[in-house]
Amino acid sequence: MEFLLYISAFIAALAFVILVIYVVIAIKATKETLKDVSITIQGIEKQMQGVTTETTELLSKTNKLAEDMNEKTGKLDSLFDGAKGIGDSMKDFSQSLNEISNSISVASKIDQEKAAQAVKWGAAIVDFVNGRRNKNK
């Protein structure tokens, strides 16, 4: 019986050793996996830093571009204001020319009527004078 006790103790010890070996193998495999995961995470972290840097640079360039666009738009606003002023001046000038043309037209009609009356009076006077001369002769 004692012999069976030794054999069972030996089997238990052997089972324990085998269990420890498998646990050690599993821990080593886990260690390698964690090491690979750590390396992968470090690589991702470096890539994220690169992306962050590029994103920051892109954002800075975008802000500069927006500022440049705002500045140029402001310059265009003053240009359009100037063009509007020129257009308004041309409109006022055109209206002034129309008013002058209308007043000249009205004045010429009035003067034309006066000239026609003057010609009629002149013709009447000439006829009167000629009629007097003819009587005197």
N, C-alpha and C. Protein backbone atom coordinates (compact mmCIF):
# COMPACT_ATOMS: atom_id res chain seq x y z
N MET A 1 0.78 -1.15 0.00
CA MET A 1 0.00 0.00 0.00
C MET A 1 0.85 1.26 0.00
N GLU A 2 1.87 1.12 0.69
CA GLU A 2 2.77 2.24 0.72
C GLU A 2 3.29 2.54 -0.69
N PHE A 3 3.46 1.47 -1.40
CA PHE A 3 3.96 1.62 -2.75
C PHE A 3 2.95 2.39 -3.60
N LEU A 4 1.70 2.11 -3.42
CA LEU A 4 0.65 2.82 -4.16
C LEU A 4 0.61 4.30 -3.76
N LEU A 5 0.88 4.53 -2.53
CA LEU A 5 0.90 5.90 -2.04
C LEU A 5 2.04 6.66 -2.70
N TYR A 6 3.20 6.01 -2.84
CA TYR A 6 4.33 6.66 -3.51
C TYR A 6 4.02 6.88 -4.99
N ILE A 7 3.41 5.87 -5.58
CA ILE A 7 3.09 5.99 -7.01
C ILE A 7 2.08 7.13 -7.19
N SER A 8 1.05 7.22 -6.38
CA SER A 8 0.07 8.29 -6.53
C SER A 8 0.71 9.64 -6.24
N ALA A 9 1.64 9.71 -5.28
CA ALA A 9 2.33 10.97 -4.99
C ALA A 9 3.19 11.34 -6.18
N PHE A 10 3.85 10.32 -6.77
CA PHE A 10 4.69 10.56 -7.93
C PHE A 10 3.82 11.04 -9.10
N ILE A 11 2.68 10.45 -9.33
CA ILE A 11 1.78 10.84 -10.41
C ILE A 11 1.26 12.25 -10.15
N ALA A 12 0.95 12.55 -8.92
CA ALA A 12 0.47 13.89 -8.58
C ALA A 12 1.57 14.90 -8.81
N ALA A 13 2.81 14.57 -8.42
CA ALA A 13 3.94 15.47 -8.63
C ALA A 13 4.18 15.66 -10.10
N LEU A 14 4.13 14.55 -10.87
CA LEU A 14 4.34 14.62 -12.30
C LEU A 14 3.24 15.46 -12.96
N ALA A 15 2.01 15.28 -12.53
CA ALA A 15 0.90 16.08 -13.06
C ALA A 15 1.11 17.55 -12.73
N PHE A 16 1.59 17.82 -11.50
CA PHE A 16 1.86 19.20 -11.09
C PHE A 16 2.96 19.80 -11.94
N VAL A 17 4.03 19.03 -12.21
CA VAL A 17 5.15 19.51 -13.04
C VAL A 17 4.64 19.80 -14.45
N ILE A 18 3.84 18.88 -15.00
CA ILE A 18 3.29 19.07 -16.35
C ILE A 18 2.40 20.33 -16.36
N LEU A 19 1.60 20.48 -15.32
CA LEU A 19 0.74 21.66 -15.23
C LEU A 19 1.57 22.93 -15.18
N VAL A 20 2.62 22.92 -14.39
CA VAL A 20 3.51 24.10 -14.28
C VAL A 20 4.15 24.39 -15.64
N ILE A 21 4.59 23.31 -16.33
CA ILE A 21 5.23 23.51 -17.65
C ILE A 21 4.22 24.18 -18.61
N TYR A 22 2.99 23.68 -18.64
CA TYR A 22 1.99 24.28 -19.52
C TYR A 22 1.66 25.71 -19.12
N VAL A 23 1.62 25.97 -17.83
CA VAL A 23 1.36 27.34 -17.36
C VAL A 23 2.51 28.25 -17.78
N VAL A 24 3.76 27.76 -17.64
CA VAL A 24 4.93 28.55 -18.05
C VAL A 24 4.88 28.82 -19.56
N ILE A 25 4.54 27.79 -20.35
CA ILE A 25 4.44 27.96 -21.81
C ILE A 25 3.35 28.98 -22.13
N ALA A 26 2.22 28.87 -21.46
CA ALA A 26 1.11 29.80 -21.69
C ALA A 26 1.51 31.22 -21.31
N ILE A 27 2.23 31.36 -20.20
CA ILE A 27 2.67 32.69 -19.76
C ILE A 27 3.67 33.27 -20.75
N LYS A 28 4.60 32.43 -21.26
CA LYS A 28 5.58 32.91 -22.26
C LYS A 28 4.85 33.34 -23.53
N ALA A 29 3.86 32.56 -23.97
CA ALA A 29 3.11 32.91 -25.16
C ALA A 29 2.35 34.23 -24.94
N THR A 30 1.78 34.37 -23.75
CA THR A 30 1.07 35.60 -23.41
C THR A 30 2.03 36.78 -23.37
N LYS A 31 3.24 36.51 -22.84
CA LYS A 31 4.26 37.56 -22.77
C LYS A 31 4.63 38.01 -24.18
N GLU A 32 4.83 37.08 -25.10
CA GLU A 32 5.17 37.42 -26.48
C GLU A 32 4.02 38.18 -27.15
N THR A 33 2.80 37.72 -26.88
CA THR A 33 1.64 38.41 -27.46
C THR A 33 1.53 39.84 -26.93
N LEU A 34 1.74 39.99 -25.63
CA LEU A 34 1.69 41.33 -25.04
C LEU A 34 2.81 42.21 -25.57
N LYS A 35 3.97 41.60 -25.80
CA LYS A 35 5.10 42.35 -26.36
C LYS A 35 4.74 42.84 -27.77
N ASP A 36 4.15 41.94 -28.58
CA ASP A 36 3.72 42.32 -29.93
C ASP A 36 2.65 43.42 -29.88
N VAL A 37 1.72 43.28 -28.95
CA VAL A 37 0.67 44.29 -28.79
C VAL A 37 1.29 45.63 -28.39
N SER A 38 2.27 45.59 -27.51
CA SER A 38 2.94 46.81 -27.06
C SER A 38 3.65 47.49 -28.23
N ILE A 39 4.35 46.68 -29.04
CA ILE A 39 5.05 47.23 -30.21
C ILE A 39 4.04 47.84 -31.18
N THR A 40 2.94 47.14 -31.41
CA THR A 40 1.89 47.65 -32.31
C THR A 40 1.31 48.95 -31.79
N ILE A 41 1.05 49.00 -30.50
CA ILE A 41 0.50 50.22 -29.90
C ILE A 41 1.49 51.37 -30.01
N GLN A 42 2.78 51.09 -29.81
CA GLN A 42 3.79 52.14 -29.96
C GLN A 42 3.83 52.65 -31.40
N GLY A 43 3.73 51.72 -32.36
CA GLY A 43 3.70 52.13 -33.76
C GLY A 43 2.48 52.99 -34.07
N ILE A 44 1.33 52.58 -33.52
CA ILE A 44 0.11 53.37 -33.72
C ILE A 44 0.26 54.75 -33.09
N GLU A 45 0.89 54.78 -31.90
CA GLU A 45 1.09 56.06 -31.21
C GLU A 45 1.97 56.98 -32.05
N LYS A 46 3.05 56.43 -32.64
CA LYS A 46 3.92 57.25 -33.49
C LYS A 46 3.16 57.74 -34.72
N GLN A 47 2.35 56.85 -35.31
CA GLN A 47 1.56 57.25 -36.47
C GLN A 47 0.56 58.34 -36.10
N MET A 48 -0.05 58.20 -34.93
CA MET A 48 -1.01 59.21 -34.48
C MET A 48 -0.31 60.55 -34.25
N GLN A 49 0.92 60.50 -33.72
CA GLN A 49 1.67 61.75 -33.54
C GLN A 49 1.93 62.40 -34.89
N GLY A 50 2.29 61.57 -35.89
CA GLY A 50 2.50 62.10 -37.25
C GLY A 50 1.23 62.68 -37.82
N VAL A 51 0.12 61.98 -37.63
CA VAL A 51 -1.17 62.47 -38.13
C VAL A 51 -1.54 63.76 -37.42
N THR A 52 -1.30 63.79 -36.11
CA THR A 52 -1.61 64.99 -35.34
C THR A 52 -0.78 66.17 -35.83
N THR A 53 0.50 65.93 -36.07
CA THR A 53 1.37 66.99 -36.57
C THR A 53 0.90 67.48 -37.93
N GLU A 54 0.60 66.54 -38.82
CA GLU A 54 0.13 66.92 -40.16
C GLU A 54 -1.21 67.65 -40.08
N THR A 55 -2.08 67.20 -39.20
CA THR A 55 -3.38 67.85 -39.04
C THR A 55 -3.20 69.27 -38.52
N THR A 56 -2.29 69.44 -37.57
CA THR A 56 -2.03 70.78 -37.03
C THR A 56 -1.49 71.69 -38.13
N GLU A 57 -0.55 71.19 -38.94
CA GLU A 57 0.00 71.98 -40.04
C GLU A 57 -1.09 72.32 -41.05
N LEU A 58 -1.94 71.34 -41.37
CA LEU A 58 -3.02 71.56 -42.32
C LEU A 58 -4.00 72.61 -41.79
N LEU A 59 -4.31 72.53 -40.51
CA LEU A 59 -5.21 73.51 -39.90
C LEU A 59 -4.59 74.90 -39.94
N SER A 60 -3.30 74.98 -39.67
CA SER A 60 -2.60 76.27 -39.72
C SER A 60 -2.64 76.85 -41.13
N LYS A 61 -2.36 76.00 -42.12
CA LYS A 61 -2.41 76.47 -43.51
C LYS A 61 -3.82 76.89 -43.90
N THR A 62 -4.81 76.14 -43.44
CA THR A 62 -6.20 76.49 -43.73
C THR A 62 -6.56 77.83 -43.12
N ASN A 63 -6.11 78.07 -41.90
CA ASN A 63 -6.38 79.36 -41.25
C ASN A 63 -5.71 80.50 -42.01
N LYS A 64 -4.46 80.28 -42.44
CA LYS A 64 -3.76 81.32 -43.21
C LYS A 64 -4.48 81.58 -44.53
N LEU A 65 -4.93 80.52 -45.17
CA LEU A 65 -5.66 80.66 -46.43
C LEU A 65 -6.97 81.42 -46.21
N ALA A 66 -7.66 81.12 -45.13
CA ALA A 66 -8.91 81.82 -44.82
C ALA A 66 -8.65 83.31 -44.57
N GLU A 67 -7.57 83.61 -43.84
CA GLU A 67 -7.22 85.01 -43.59
C GLU A 67 -6.90 85.72 -44.90
N ASP A 68 -6.14 85.05 -45.77
CA ASP A 68 -5.79 85.63 -47.07
C ASP A 68 -7.04 85.89 -47.90
N MET A 69 -7.96 84.93 -47.88
CA MET A 69 -9.22 85.09 -48.63
C MET A 69 -10.02 86.27 -48.07
N ASN A 70 -10.09 86.39 -46.75
CA ASN A 70 -10.82 87.51 -46.14
C ASN A 70 -10.19 88.84 -46.53
N GLU A 71 -8.86 88.89 -46.53
CA GLU A 71 -8.16 90.12 -46.89
C GLU A 71 -8.44 90.49 -48.35
N LYS A 72 -8.35 89.50 -49.23
CA LYS A 72 -8.59 89.76 -50.65
C LYS A 72 -10.05 90.11 -50.90
N THR A 73 -10.95 89.48 -50.18
CA THR A 73 -12.37 89.81 -50.31
C THR A 73 -12.62 91.24 -49.88
N GLY A 74 -11.95 91.67 -48.82
CA GLY A 74 -12.08 93.05 -48.37
C GLY A 74 -11.61 94.03 -49.44
N LYS A 75 -10.52 93.69 -50.12
CA LYS A 75 -10.02 94.54 -51.20
C LYS A 75 -11.01 94.58 -52.35
N LEU A 76 -11.62 93.43 -52.64
CA LEU A 76 -12.62 93.40 -53.71
C LEU A 76 -13.84 94.22 -53.35
N ASP A 77 -14.20 94.22 -52.06
CA ASP A 77 -15.34 95.02 -51.62
C ASP A 77 -15.10 96.49 -51.94
N SER A 78 -13.89 96.99 -51.64
CA SER A 78 -13.60 98.39 -51.92
C SER A 78 -13.59 98.64 -53.43
N LEU A 79 -13.12 97.65 -54.20
CA LEU A 79 -13.13 97.79 -55.66
C LEU A 79 -14.57 97.87 -56.17
N PHE A 80 -15.44 97.00 -55.65
CA PHE A 80 -16.84 97.04 -56.07
C PHE A 80 -17.52 98.33 -55.62
N ASP A 81 -17.14 98.83 -54.44
CA ASP A 81 -17.70 100.10 -53.99
C ASP A 81 -17.28 101.22 -54.94
N GLY A 82 -16.00 101.20 -55.36
CA GLY A 82 -15.52 102.20 -56.32
C GLY A 82 -16.24 102.09 -57.65
N ALA A 83 -16.44 100.86 -58.12
CA ALA A 83 -17.16 100.66 -59.38
C ALA A 83 -18.60 101.14 -59.25
N LYS A 84 -19.21 100.91 -58.10
CA LYS A 84 -20.57 101.38 -57.87
C LYS A 84 -20.60 102.90 -57.89
N GLY A 85 -19.58 103.52 -57.28
CA GLY A 85 -19.50 104.98 -57.30
C GLY A 85 -19.37 105.52 -58.72
N ILE A 86 -18.55 104.86 -59.53
CA ILE A 86 -18.40 105.28 -60.92
C ILE A 86 -19.73 105.12 -61.66
N GLY A 87 -20.41 103.99 -61.42
CA GLY A 87 -21.71 103.77 -62.04
C GLY A 87 -22.71 104.83 -61.64
N ASP A 88 -22.72 105.19 -60.35
CA ASP A 88 -23.63 106.23 -59.88
C ASP A 88 -23.30 107.58 -60.53
N SER A 89 -22.00 107.87 -60.66
CA SER A 89 -21.58 109.12 -61.30
C SER A 89 -22.01 109.15 -62.76
N MET A 90 -21.84 108.02 -63.45
CA MET A 90 -22.25 107.95 -64.85
C MET A 90 -23.77 108.13 -64.97
N LYS A 91 -24.52 107.56 -64.05
CA LYS A 91 -25.97 107.71 -64.07
C LYS A 91 -26.36 109.17 -63.86
N ASP A 92 -25.71 109.82 -62.87
CA ASP A 92 -25.99 111.23 -62.62
C ASP A 92 -25.63 112.08 -63.83
N PHE A 93 -24.49 111.77 -64.46
CA PHE A 93 -24.05 112.52 -65.65
C PHE A 93 -25.05 112.35 -66.78
N SER A 94 -25.52 111.12 -66.97
CA SER A 94 -26.51 110.84 -68.02
C SER A 94 -27.80 111.60 -67.75
N GLN A 95 -28.23 111.63 -66.49
CA GLN A 95 -29.44 112.37 -66.15
C GLN A 95 -29.25 113.87 -66.40
N SER A 96 -28.06 114.37 -66.07
CA SER A 96 -27.78 115.78 -66.31
C SER A 96 -27.82 116.09 -67.80
N LEU A 97 -27.23 115.21 -68.61
CA LEU A 97 -27.27 115.41 -70.06
C LEU A 97 -28.70 115.39 -70.58
N ASN A 98 -29.51 114.47 -70.07
CA ASN A 98 -30.92 114.42 -70.48
C ASN A 98 -31.65 115.71 -70.11
N GLU A 99 -31.39 116.21 -68.90
CA GLU A 99 -32.03 117.46 -68.48
C GLU A 99 -31.60 118.62 -69.36
N ILE A 100 -30.29 118.69 -69.66
CA ILE A 100 -29.79 119.77 -70.52
C ILE A 100 -30.41 119.66 -71.91
N SER A 101 -30.45 118.43 -72.43
CA SER A 101 -31.04 118.21 -73.76
C SER A 101 -32.50 118.61 -73.78
N ASN A 102 -33.24 118.25 -72.73
CA ASN A 102 -34.66 118.63 -72.65
C ASN A 102 -34.83 120.14 -72.56
N SER A 103 -34.00 120.79 -71.76
CA SER A 103 -34.13 122.25 -71.63
C SER A 103 -33.74 122.94 -72.94
N ILE A 104 -32.74 122.41 -73.65
CA ILE A 104 -32.38 122.98 -74.95
C ILE A 104 -33.52 122.78 -75.94
N SER A 105 -34.12 121.61 -75.91
CA SER A 105 -35.24 121.33 -76.81
C SER A 105 -36.41 122.26 -76.53
N VAL A 106 -36.75 122.45 -75.27
CA VAL A 106 -37.84 123.35 -74.90
C VAL A 106 -37.50 124.78 -75.30
N ALA A 107 -36.25 125.17 -74.99
CA ALA A 107 -35.84 126.54 -75.33
C ALA A 107 -35.86 126.75 -76.84
N SER A 108 -35.42 125.74 -77.59
CA SER A 108 -35.40 125.91 -79.05
C SER A 108 -36.82 125.99 -79.61
N LYS A 109 -37.77 125.26 -79.01
CA LYS A 109 -39.16 125.35 -79.45
C LYS A 109 -39.71 126.75 -79.18
N ILE A 110 -39.42 127.25 -77.96
CA ILE A 110 -39.88 128.60 -77.61
C ILE A 110 -39.24 129.62 -78.54
N ASP A 111 -37.92 129.50 -78.74
CA ASP A 111 -37.21 130.43 -79.62
C ASP A 111 -37.68 130.27 -81.06
N GLN A 112 -38.02 129.06 -81.45
CA GLN A 112 -38.49 128.81 -82.80
C GLN A 112 -39.82 129.52 -83.04
N GLU A 113 -40.69 129.45 -82.03
CA GLU A 113 -41.97 130.15 -82.15
C GLU A 113 -41.74 131.66 -82.22
N LYS A 114 -40.83 132.16 -81.37
CA LYS A 114 -40.52 133.60 -81.40
C LYS A 114 -39.90 133.99 -82.74
N ALA A 115 -39.01 133.12 -83.24
CA ALA A 115 -38.37 133.42 -84.53
C ALA A 115 -39.41 133.42 -85.65
N ALA A 116 -40.35 132.45 -85.59
CA ALA A 116 -41.41 132.40 -86.62
C ALA A 116 -42.26 133.66 -86.55
N GLN A 117 -42.59 134.10 -85.33
CA GLN A 117 -43.38 135.32 -85.19
C GLN A 117 -42.59 136.53 -85.69
N ALA A 118 -41.28 136.53 -85.36
CA ALA A 118 -40.44 137.65 -85.81
C ALA A 118 -40.38 137.69 -87.33
N VAL A 119 -40.29 136.50 -87.96
CA VAL A 119 -40.25 136.45 -89.41
C VAL A 119 -41.59 136.95 -89.98
N LYS A 120 -42.69 136.52 -89.35
CA LYS A 120 -44.01 136.98 -89.82
C LYS A 120 -44.12 138.50 -89.70
N TRP A 121 -43.71 139.02 -88.52
CA TRP A 121 -43.75 140.48 -88.32
C TRP A 121 -42.83 141.19 -89.31
N GLY A 122 -41.66 140.56 -89.50
CA GLY A 122 -40.72 141.17 -90.45
C GLY A 122 -41.31 141.19 -91.86
N ALA A 123 -41.93 140.07 -92.24
CA ALA A 123 -42.53 139.99 -93.57
C ALA A 123 -43.67 140.99 -93.69
N ALA A 124 -44.45 141.14 -92.61
CA ALA A 124 -45.55 142.09 -92.63
C ALA A 124 -45.01 143.52 -92.75
N ILE A 125 -43.95 143.80 -92.04
CA ILE A 125 -43.34 145.14 -92.10
C ILE A 125 -42.79 145.40 -93.50
N VAL A 126 -42.11 144.37 -94.05
CA VAL A 126 -41.56 144.53 -95.40
C VAL A 126 -42.70 144.75 -96.40
N ASP A 127 -43.78 143.99 -96.25
CA ASP A 127 -44.93 144.17 -97.13
C ASP A 127 -45.53 145.57 -96.96
N PHE A 128 -45.61 146.01 -95.72
CA PHE A 128 -46.15 147.33 -95.44
C PHE A 128 -45.27 148.41 -96.07
N VAL A 129 -43.95 148.25 -95.88
CA VAL A 129 -43.02 149.23 -96.42
C VAL A 129 -43.08 149.21 -97.96
N ASN A 130 -43.14 148.03 -98.52
CA ASN A 130 -43.22 147.92 -99.99
C ASN A 130 -44.55 148.50 -100.49
N GLY A 131 -45.58 148.25 -99.74
CA GLY A 131 -46.89 148.81 -100.11
C GLY A 131 -46.88 150.33 -100.06
N ARG A 132 -46.19 150.95 -99.16
CA ARG A 132 -46.07 152.40 -99.02
C ARG A 132 -45.23 152.96 -100.13
N ARG A 133 -44.22 152.25 -100.51
CA ARG A 133 -43.36 152.73 -101.58
C ARG A 133 -44.12 152.71 -102.91
N ASN A 134 -44.86 151.66 -103.03
CA ASN A 134 -45.63 151.55 -104.28
C ASN A 134 -46.68 152.68 -104.36
N LYS A 135 -47.26 153.04 -103.26
CA LYS A 135 -48.23 154.14 -103.25
C LYS A 135 -47.54 155.46 -103.51
N ASN A 136 -46.38 155.65 -102.99
CA ASN A 136 -45.64 156.90 -103.15
C ASN A 136 -45.10 157.05 -104.57
N LYS A 137 -44.94 156.10 -105.28
CA LYS A 137 -44.37 156.19 -106.61
C LYS A 137 -45.42 156.50 -107.56
